[in-house]
């Protein structure tokens, strides 16, 4: 299940964090929020989405096998009890 839901890069990133389960939960929330935000434009599967992070920890979304360009902003928040993500997507 882990390999179906997460890329190798996401797993490696999460293992390096203080609580990797909270991080993976946040990533899943970001993927779900992305699917919902992009659903008015395209149909995608969770396996096509990869959540990356820049040097400051800001999440960024990579979508594989998509020709059209989208601008996607995402914010992830999590604690030991809850995780959530908000995503805004629009065409460029």
C-alpha atoms as a PDB file:
ATOM      1  CA  UNK A   1       0.000   0.000   0.000  1.00  0.00           C
ATOM      2  CA  UNK A   2       2.841   2.390   0.842  1.00  0.00           C
ATOM      3  CA  UNK A   3       4.385   1.978  -2.614  1.00  0.00           C
ATOM      4  CA  UNK A   4       0.989   2.531  -4.258  1.00  0.00           C
ATOM      5  CA  UNK A   5       0.281   5.780  -2.392  1.00  0.00           C
ATOM      6  CA  UNK A   6       3.757   7.321  -2.061  1.00  0.00           C
ATOM      7  CA  UNK A   7       6.729   7.844  -4.328  1.00  0.00           C
ATOM      8  CA  UNK A   8      10.203   6.820  -3.198  1.00  0.00           C
ATOM      9  CA  UNK A   9      11.112  10.499  -2.893  1.00  0.00           C
ATOM     10  CA  UNK A  10       8.130  11.148  -0.575  1.00  0.00           C
ATOM     11  CA  UNK A  11       9.044   8.190   1.632  1.00  0.00           C
ATOM     12  CA  UNK A  12      12.689   9.288   1.895  1.00  0.00           C
ATOM     13  CA  UNK A  13      11.600  12.851   2.750  1.00  0.00           C
ATOM     14  CA  UNK A  14       9.224  11.572   5.447  1.00  0.00           C
ATOM     15  CA  UNK A  15      11.804   9.302   7.066  1.00  0.00           C
ATOM     16  CA  UNK A  16      14.043  12.341   7.565  1.00  0.00           C
ATOM     17  CA  UNK A  17      11.343  14.233   9.470  1.00  0.00           C
ATOM     18  CA  UNK A  18      10.833  14.072  13.283  1.00  0.00           C
ATOM     19  CA  UNK A  19       7.535  12.152  12.944  1.00  0.00           C
ATOM     20  CA  UNK A  20       7.376  10.412   9.596  1.00  0.00           C
ATOM     21  CA  UNK A  21       3.790   9.162  10.025  1.00  0.00           C
ATOM     22  CA  UNK A  22       2.486  12.706  10.495  1.00  0.00           C
ATOM     23  CA  UNK A  23       4.425  13.781   7.403  1.00  0.00           C
ATOM     24  CA  UNK A  24       3.047  10.916   5.285  1.00  0.00           C
ATOM     25  CA  UNK A  25      -0.467  11.740   6.496  1.00  0.00           C
ATOM     26  CA  UNK A  26       0.028  15.363   5.430  1.00  0.00           C
ATOM     27  CA  UNK A  27       1.270  14.221   2.018  1.00  0.00           C
ATOM     28  CA  UNK A  28      -1.823  12.039   1.505  1.00  0.00           C
ATOM     29  CA  UNK A  29      -4.030  15.009   2.426  1.00  0.00           C
ATOM     30  CA  UNK A  30      -2.177  17.172  -0.109  1.00  0.00           C
ATOM     31  CA  UNK A  31      -2.651  14.551  -2.821  1.00  0.00           C
ATOM     32  CA  UNK A  32      -6.388  14.314  -2.091  1.00  0.00           C
ATOM     33  CA  UNK A  33      -6.753  18.106  -2.058  1.00  0.00           C
ATOM     34  CA  UNK A  34      -4.893  18.269  -5.387  1.00  0.00           C
ATOM     35  CA  UNK A  35      -7.153  15.677  -6.983  1.00  0.00           C
ATOM     36  CA  UNK A  36     -10.212  17.639  -5.877  1.00  0.00           C
ATOM     37  CA  UNK A  37      -8.822  21.011  -6.978  1.00  0.00           C
ATOM     38  CA  UNK A  38      -7.790  19.659 -10.387  1.00  0.00           C
ATOM     39  CA  UNK A  39     -10.980  17.648 -10.945  1.00  0.00           C
ATOM     40  CA  UNK A  40     -12.690  20.513 -12.797  1.00  0.00           C
ATOM     41  CA  UNK A  41      -9.856  20.401 -15.376  1.00  0.00           C
ATOM     42  CA  UNK A  42      -8.611  16.805 -15.594  1.00  0.00           C
ATOM     43  CA  UNK A  43      -9.054  13.337 -14.154  1.00  0.00           C
ATOM     44  CA  UNK A  44      -5.964  12.080 -12.347  1.00  0.00           C
ATOM     45  CA  UNK A  45      -5.013   9.196 -10.107  1.00  0.00           C
ATOM     46  CA  UNK A  46      -3.271   9.551  -6.769  1.00  0.00           C
ATOM     47  CA  UNK A  47      -0.259   7.675  -8.162  1.00  0.00           C
ATOM     48  CA  UNK A  48       0.320  10.494 -10.701  1.00  0.00           C
ATOM     49  CA  UNK A  49       0.887  13.084  -7.971  1.00  0.00           C
ATOM     50  CA  UNK A  50       4.160  13.603  -6.146  1.00  0.00           C
ATOM     51  CA  UNK A  51       4.536  16.093  -3.321  1.00  0.00           C
ATOM     52  CA  UNK A  52       8.020  17.627  -3.187  1.00  0.00           C
ATOM     53  CA  UNK A  53       9.382  20.214  -0.770  1.00  0.00           C
ATOM     54  CA  UNK A  54      11.771  23.095  -1.392  1.00  0.00           C
ATOM     55  CA  UNK A  55      14.675  23.982   0.914  1.00  0.00           C
ATOM     56  CA  UNK A  56      12.368  25.960   3.201  1.00  0.00           C
ATOM     57  CA  UNK A  57       9.876  23.064   3.445  1.00  0.00           C
ATOM     58  CA  UNK A  58       7.255  24.590   1.130  1.00  0.00           C
ATOM     59  CA  UNK A  59       5.312  21.815  -0.621  1.00  0.00           C
ATOM     60  CA  UNK A  60       5.210  21.649  -4.406  1.00  0.00           C
ATOM     61  CA  UNK A  61       3.171  19.346  -6.620  1.00  0.00           C
ATOM     62  CA  UNK A  62       4.457  17.359  -9.575  1.00  0.00           C
ATOM     63  CA  UNK A  63       1.883  15.633 -11.806  1.00  0.00           C
ATOM     64  CA  UNK A  64       3.160  12.935 -14.154  1.00  0.00           C
ATOM     65  CA  UNK A  65       1.741  12.173 -17.615  1.00  0.00           C
ATOM     66  CA  UNK A  66      -0.083  15.501 -17.963  1.00  0.00           C
ATOM     67  CA  UNK A  67       0.480  17.663 -21.041  1.00  0.00           C
ATOM     68  CA  UNK A  68      -1.481  20.719 -19.933  1.00  0.00           C
ATOM     69  CA  UNK A  69       0.227  23.141 -17.559  1.00  0.00           C
ATOM     70  CA  UNK A  70      -1.402  23.986 -14.256  1.00  0.00           C
ATOM     71  CA  UNK A  71      -0.463  26.306 -11.444  1.00  0.00           C
ATOM     72  CA  UNK A  72      -1.058  24.471  -8.190  1.00  0.00           C
ATOM     73  CA  UNK A  73      -0.526  25.934  -4.734  1.00  0.00           C
ATOM     74  CA  UNK A  74      -0.797  23.690  -1.709  1.00  0.00           C
ATOM     75  CA  UNK A  75      -0.498  24.132   2.032  1.00  0.00           C
ATOM     76  CA  UNK A  76      -0.118  21.205   4.443  1.00  0.00           C
ATOM     77  CA  UNK A  77      -0.634  21.276   8.201  1.00  0.00           C
ATOM     78  CA  UNK A  78      -0.477  18.412  10.662  1.00  0.00           C
ATOM     79  CA  UNK A  79      -0.176  17.581  14.339  1.00  0.00           C
ATOM     80  CA  UNK A  80      -0.134  14.325  16.254  1.00  0.00           C
ATOM     81  CA  UNK A  81      -3.937  14.084  15.970  1.00  0.00           C
ATOM     82  CA  UNK A  82      -4.931  15.818  12.723  1.00  0.00           C
ATOM     83  CA  UNK A  83      -3.732  16.498   9.203  1.00  0.00           C
ATOM     84  CA  UNK A  84      -5.150  18.767   6.515  1.00  0.00           C
ATOM     85  CA  UNK A  85      -4.207  20.311   3.195  1.00  0.00           C
ATOM     86  CA  UNK A  86      -5.629  23.069   1.050  1.00  0.00           C
ATOM     87  CA  UNK A  87      -4.967  23.234  -2.675  1.00  0.00           C
ATOM     88  CA  UNK A  88      -5.761  25.866  -5.291  1.00  0.00           C
ATOM     89  CA  UNK A  89      -5.321  24.982  -8.956  1.00  0.00           C
ATOM     90  CA  UNK A  90      -5.749  27.013 -12.129  1.00  0.00           C
ATOM     91  CA  UNK A  91      -4.541  26.927 -15.701  1.00  0.00           C
ATOM     92  CA  UNK A  92      -1.582  29.033 -16.706  1.00  0.00           C
END
